[in-house]
């Protein structure tokens, strides 16, 4: 079995050209499987049955491993047996038609209103960078746009009088998103007072620019939001997407309809947006269990 495993890894490296990390992942998964087979006194590939694979997956499940880990292990086992069939080392494939374990959808992380308020208070608006950062954070939470959509905004994509932005999302789909009064005022203040001090080339049309007057990068914005999260003493990890999740969840908690939230987020399928209703329900359950005397 050891030689068979080495042959398989060699095949993946030479014929499939897989990266070193991927090869190590395959080998790690399969060594765990072979160790299980050894304990079951199965020492030949031809003797492996479907029940052995199911037994191994069950043993992983009892260890409390995530569904994603089980799915990856099964994928490695499937590839292994596909190789054995291809090489005619076995007559039947015991991994045929085995379904991957159903993966649980993780609920998105959402900030509380207290955390949102604390984060938004951090930029120092006496400084030009603070004016810009305040506008970005307010706009991100007010619209739920993605960080790439934020940094791709041009000056002409913002209508400060009517209170909306025009952004381009996935698949180059353009959408119009309304912006609340406080956020649009901060963006207007940045355009009038902050941006002119940062922009050095009048041909630069990007709305949000860095110290050098060029379009801000994703990495640049990540550093900014992490800095303010630390200042706000928010200990858990906060990313630009956390503000997007919070935007959607807070809208639904306050009575917005799912279809409108879907349109504002730019989701092609409403099932993607429905995950936020689960967040709201889980929060309601927490409130109930804390507040009800017989919960």
Foldseek 3Di string as FASTA:
>chain_A
DVVLLVVLLVCCCPVVVDDPVVSVLLSVLVVLLVVQVVVVVNDAPQPDALVSLVVSLVVVVVVVDALVSSQSSLVSLQSSQVVCVVVVVYDDRRSPPDDRPDHDDDQAAADDPVLLVLLLPQQDPVDLVSLLLNLLSLQCLQQLEFPVFLLQFFPVQADLVQAWGWTQDPPRDIAITGGDDVNSVSLVCSVVPRLVVQADDPVAGGSHDDNNNHGQDQVNVQVVSQVSSVVSVPPDDDGSNNSSLNSLLVCVLVPDDQVVNCRSHVPPDSVVSCSSVVVNVVVVVVVCVVPPPVD
